[in-house]
Amino acid sequence: MKTVQISLNSIDKVKSFVNAITQFNFDFDLISGRYVIDAKSIMGIFSLDLSKPIDLAIHTEDDLDKVMEVLKPYLV
């Protein structure tokens, strides 16, 4: 598992982020304070405070290079 900080400060960014990570078969969780949300859930993401960076937990050790490449536009 790897954790990175991302910023999803617009509706378009949220949509493109979810579309980008749904191509992977493993789990992604967004962690904001005591809340843990499935990162592939648009409705879940909008329940978080998007004004500040959010921790993204990537639940895999495989394909991390590919995942990080896809996540580049969202990394803090």
N, C-alpha and C. Protein backbone atom coordinates (compact mmCIF):
# COMPACT_ATOMS: atom_id res chain seq x y z
N MET A 1 0.84 -1.19 0.00
CA MET A 1 0.00 0.00 0.00
C MET A 1 0.88 1.24 0.00
N LYS A 2 0.46 2.24 -0.76
CA LYS A 2 1.18 3.50 -0.82
C LYS A 2 0.16 4.62 -0.58
N THR A 3 0.59 5.66 0.13
CA THR A 3 -0.28 6.81 0.38
C THR A 3 0.35 8.07 -0.19
N VAL A 4 -0.46 8.84 -0.92
CA VAL A 4 0.00 10.11 -1.49
C VAL A 4 -1.06 11.17 -1.19
N GLN A 5 -0.68 12.44 -1.30
CA GLN A 5 -1.64 13.53 -1.11
C GLN A 5 -2.06 14.04 -2.48
N ILE A 6 -3.38 14.23 -2.63
CA ILE A 6 -3.91 14.75 -3.89
C ILE A 6 -4.80 15.94 -3.61
N SER A 7 -5.06 16.70 -4.66
CA SER A 7 -5.97 17.84 -4.57
C SER A 7 -7.07 17.66 -5.61
N LEU A 8 -8.31 17.71 -5.16
CA LEU A 8 -9.48 17.61 -6.03
C LEU A 8 -10.36 18.83 -5.79
N ASN A 9 -9.88 19.99 -6.23
CA ASN A 9 -10.54 21.24 -5.86
C ASN A 9 -11.54 21.77 -6.89
N SER A 10 -11.97 20.91 -7.84
CA SER A 10 -13.01 21.31 -8.78
C SER A 10 -13.82 20.08 -9.19
N ILE A 11 -15.03 20.34 -9.67
CA ILE A 11 -15.91 19.25 -10.09
C ILE A 11 -15.28 18.48 -11.25
N ASP A 12 -14.69 19.20 -12.21
CA ASP A 12 -14.06 18.54 -13.35
C ASP A 12 -12.89 17.66 -12.93
N LYS A 13 -12.13 18.13 -11.94
CA LYS A 13 -11.01 17.33 -11.43
C LYS A 13 -11.50 16.04 -10.78
N VAL A 14 -12.59 16.12 -10.04
CA VAL A 14 -13.15 14.92 -9.40
C VAL A 14 -13.58 13.92 -10.47
N LYS A 15 -14.31 14.40 -11.49
CA LYS A 15 -14.78 13.51 -12.56
C LYS A 15 -13.61 12.84 -13.28
N SER A 16 -12.61 13.62 -13.66
CA SER A 16 -11.48 13.04 -14.40
C SER A 16 -10.66 12.10 -13.51
N PHE A 17 -10.56 12.42 -12.21
CA PHE A 17 -9.85 11.55 -11.27
C PHE A 17 -10.53 10.18 -11.18
N VAL A 18 -11.85 10.17 -10.97
CA VAL A 18 -12.58 8.92 -10.86
C VAL A 18 -12.47 8.12 -12.16
N ASN A 19 -12.60 8.79 -13.30
CA ASN A 19 -12.45 8.09 -14.59
C ASN A 19 -11.05 7.50 -14.74
N ALA A 20 -10.04 8.20 -14.26
CA ALA A 20 -8.66 7.74 -14.39
C ALA A 20 -8.38 6.50 -13.54
N ILE A 21 -8.91 6.46 -12.31
CA ILE A 21 -8.57 5.33 -11.44
C ILE A 21 -9.47 4.12 -11.62
N THR A 22 -10.62 4.28 -12.28
CA THR A 22 -11.50 3.12 -12.47
C THR A 22 -10.91 2.10 -13.43
N GLN A 23 -9.87 2.45 -14.16
CA GLN A 23 -9.22 1.49 -15.05
C GLN A 23 -8.42 0.43 -14.28
N PHE A 24 -8.16 0.68 -13.01
CA PHE A 24 -7.39 -0.26 -12.20
C PHE A 24 -8.33 -1.15 -11.39
N ASN A 25 -7.95 -2.41 -11.20
CA ASN A 25 -8.81 -3.38 -10.53
C ASN A 25 -8.64 -3.44 -9.02
N PHE A 26 -7.74 -2.65 -8.46
CA PHE A 26 -7.52 -2.67 -7.02
C PHE A 26 -8.20 -1.47 -6.38
N ASP A 27 -8.19 -1.43 -5.04
CA ASP A 27 -8.92 -0.41 -4.30
C ASP A 27 -8.09 0.86 -4.07
N PHE A 28 -8.81 1.97 -4.05
CA PHE A 28 -8.26 3.27 -3.69
C PHE A 28 -9.17 3.85 -2.61
N ASP A 29 -8.58 4.37 -1.53
CA ASP A 29 -9.37 5.01 -0.48
C ASP A 29 -8.91 6.45 -0.30
N LEU A 30 -9.86 7.35 -0.12
CA LEU A 30 -9.55 8.73 0.24
C LEU A 30 -9.75 8.87 1.74
N ILE A 31 -8.74 9.48 2.40
CA ILE A 31 -8.76 9.60 3.85
C ILE A 31 -8.71 11.09 4.21
N SER A 32 -9.75 11.54 4.87
CA SER A 32 -9.82 12.93 5.29
C SER A 32 -10.26 12.94 6.76
N GLY A 33 -9.31 13.19 7.65
CA GLY A 33 -9.61 13.15 9.08
C GLY A 33 -10.00 11.73 9.47
N ARG A 34 -11.19 11.57 10.04
CA ARG A 34 -11.62 10.23 10.46
C ARG A 34 -12.47 9.54 9.41
N TYR A 35 -12.65 10.15 8.25
CA TYR A 35 -13.45 9.57 7.19
C TYR A 35 -12.60 8.84 6.17
N VAL A 36 -13.04 7.65 5.78
CA VAL A 36 -12.39 6.87 4.73
C VAL A 36 -13.46 6.59 3.68
N ILE A 37 -13.21 7.04 2.45
CA ILE A 37 -14.19 6.96 1.37
C ILE A 37 -13.58 6.17 0.21
N ASP A 38 -14.40 5.37 -0.46
CA ASP A 38 -13.98 4.69 -1.68
C ASP A 38 -13.70 5.77 -2.74
N ALA A 39 -12.47 5.82 -3.24
CA ALA A 39 -12.08 6.88 -4.18
C ALA A 39 -12.75 6.73 -5.54
N LYS A 40 -13.37 5.60 -5.82
CA LYS A 40 -14.05 5.41 -7.09
C LYS A 40 -15.51 5.87 -7.02
N SER A 41 -15.93 6.40 -5.86
CA SER A 41 -17.30 6.86 -5.66
C SER A 41 -17.37 8.39 -5.74
N ILE A 42 -17.95 8.88 -6.82
CA ILE A 42 -18.07 10.34 -6.99
C ILE A 42 -18.88 10.94 -5.84
N MET A 43 -20.00 10.31 -5.48
CA MET A 43 -20.82 10.83 -4.39
C MET A 43 -20.05 10.84 -3.07
N GLY A 44 -19.26 9.81 -2.82
CA GLY A 44 -18.45 9.76 -1.62
C GLY A 44 -17.44 10.89 -1.57
N ILE A 45 -16.80 11.15 -2.70
CA ILE A 45 -15.78 12.21 -2.76
C ILE A 45 -16.41 13.56 -2.44
N PHE A 46 -17.62 13.82 -2.96
CA PHE A 46 -18.26 15.11 -2.71
C PHE A 46 -18.72 15.27 -1.26
N SER A 47 -18.67 14.20 -0.48
CA SER A 47 -19.02 14.32 0.94
C SER A 47 -17.83 14.81 1.76
N LEU A 48 -16.65 14.90 1.14
CA LEU A 48 -15.43 15.34 1.84
C LEU A 48 -15.21 16.84 1.66
N ASP A 49 -14.36 17.40 2.50
CA ASP A 49 -13.94 18.80 2.35
C ASP A 49 -12.86 18.84 1.28
N LEU A 50 -13.21 19.33 0.09
CA LEU A 50 -12.27 19.32 -1.03
C LEU A 50 -11.42 20.59 -1.12
N SER A 51 -11.55 21.47 -0.13
CA SER A 51 -10.78 22.72 -0.17
C SER A 51 -9.32 22.52 0.24
N LYS A 52 -9.00 21.35 0.81
CA LYS A 52 -7.62 21.08 1.21
C LYS A 52 -7.19 19.71 0.67
N PRO A 53 -5.89 19.45 0.62
CA PRO A 53 -5.42 18.16 0.10
C PRO A 53 -5.96 16.98 0.91
N ILE A 54 -6.12 15.84 0.22
CA ILE A 54 -6.67 14.62 0.80
C ILE A 54 -5.65 13.51 0.61
N ASP A 55 -5.56 12.61 1.59
CA ASP A 55 -4.68 11.44 1.46
C ASP A 55 -5.37 10.38 0.61
N LEU A 56 -4.62 9.82 -0.34
CA LEU A 56 -5.11 8.73 -1.18
C LEU A 56 -4.31 7.49 -0.87
N ALA A 57 -4.98 6.44 -0.40
CA ALA A 57 -4.32 5.16 -0.13
C ALA A 57 -4.52 4.26 -1.34
N ILE A 58 -3.42 3.78 -1.91
CA ILE A 58 -3.45 2.91 -3.08
C ILE A 58 -3.15 1.51 -2.59
N HIS A 59 -4.11 0.60 -2.74
CA HIS A 59 -3.99 -0.74 -2.17
C HIS A 59 -3.41 -1.74 -3.16
N THR A 60 -2.15 -1.52 -3.54
CA THR A 60 -1.44 -2.46 -4.41
C THR A 60 0.05 -2.19 -4.32
N GLU A 61 0.82 -3.17 -4.69
CA GLU A 61 2.26 -2.99 -4.85
C GLU A 61 2.63 -3.13 -6.33
N ASP A 62 1.69 -3.66 -7.12
CA ASP A 62 1.92 -3.85 -8.55
C ASP A 62 1.51 -2.59 -9.31
N ASP A 63 2.15 -2.34 -10.43
CA ASP A 63 1.77 -1.24 -11.33
C ASP A 63 1.84 0.14 -10.68
N LEU A 64 2.62 0.31 -9.62
CA LEU A 64 2.66 1.62 -8.95
C LEU A 64 3.18 2.71 -9.88
N ASP A 65 4.13 2.37 -10.77
CA ASP A 65 4.64 3.37 -11.72
C ASP A 65 3.52 3.87 -12.62
N LYS A 66 2.71 2.95 -13.11
CA LYS A 66 1.59 3.33 -13.98
C LYS A 66 0.57 4.16 -13.22
N VAL A 67 0.27 3.76 -11.99
CA VAL A 67 -0.70 4.49 -11.16
C VAL A 67 -0.19 5.91 -10.91
N MET A 68 1.07 6.05 -10.55
CA MET A 68 1.63 7.37 -10.25
C MET A 68 1.61 8.26 -11.48
N GLU A 69 1.81 7.68 -12.65
CA GLU A 69 1.75 8.45 -13.90
C GLU A 69 0.34 9.00 -14.12
N VAL A 70 -0.67 8.16 -13.87
CA VAL A 70 -2.07 8.57 -14.03
C VAL A 70 -2.45 9.65 -13.00
N LEU A 71 -1.85 9.54 -11.81
CA LEU A 71 -2.21 10.47 -10.72
C LEU A 71 -1.46 11.82 -10.77
N LYS A 72 -0.48 11.96 -11.66
CA LYS A 72 0.34 13.17 -11.70
C LYS A 72 -0.45 14.48 -11.67
N PRO A 73 -1.53 14.61 -12.45
CA PRO A 73 -2.25 15.90 -12.44
C PRO A 73 -2.92 16.25 -11.10
N TYR A 74 -3.05 15.26 -10.22
CA TYR A 74 -3.78 15.46 -8.96
C TYR A 74 -2.86 15.55 -7.74
N LEU A 75 -1.59 15.19 -7.91
CA LEU A 75 -0.66 15.17 -6.77
C LEU A 75 -0.38 16.57 -6.27
N VAL A 76 -0.22 16.70 -4.97
CA VAL A 76 0.08 17.99 -4.34
C VAL A 76 1.56 18.24 -4.40
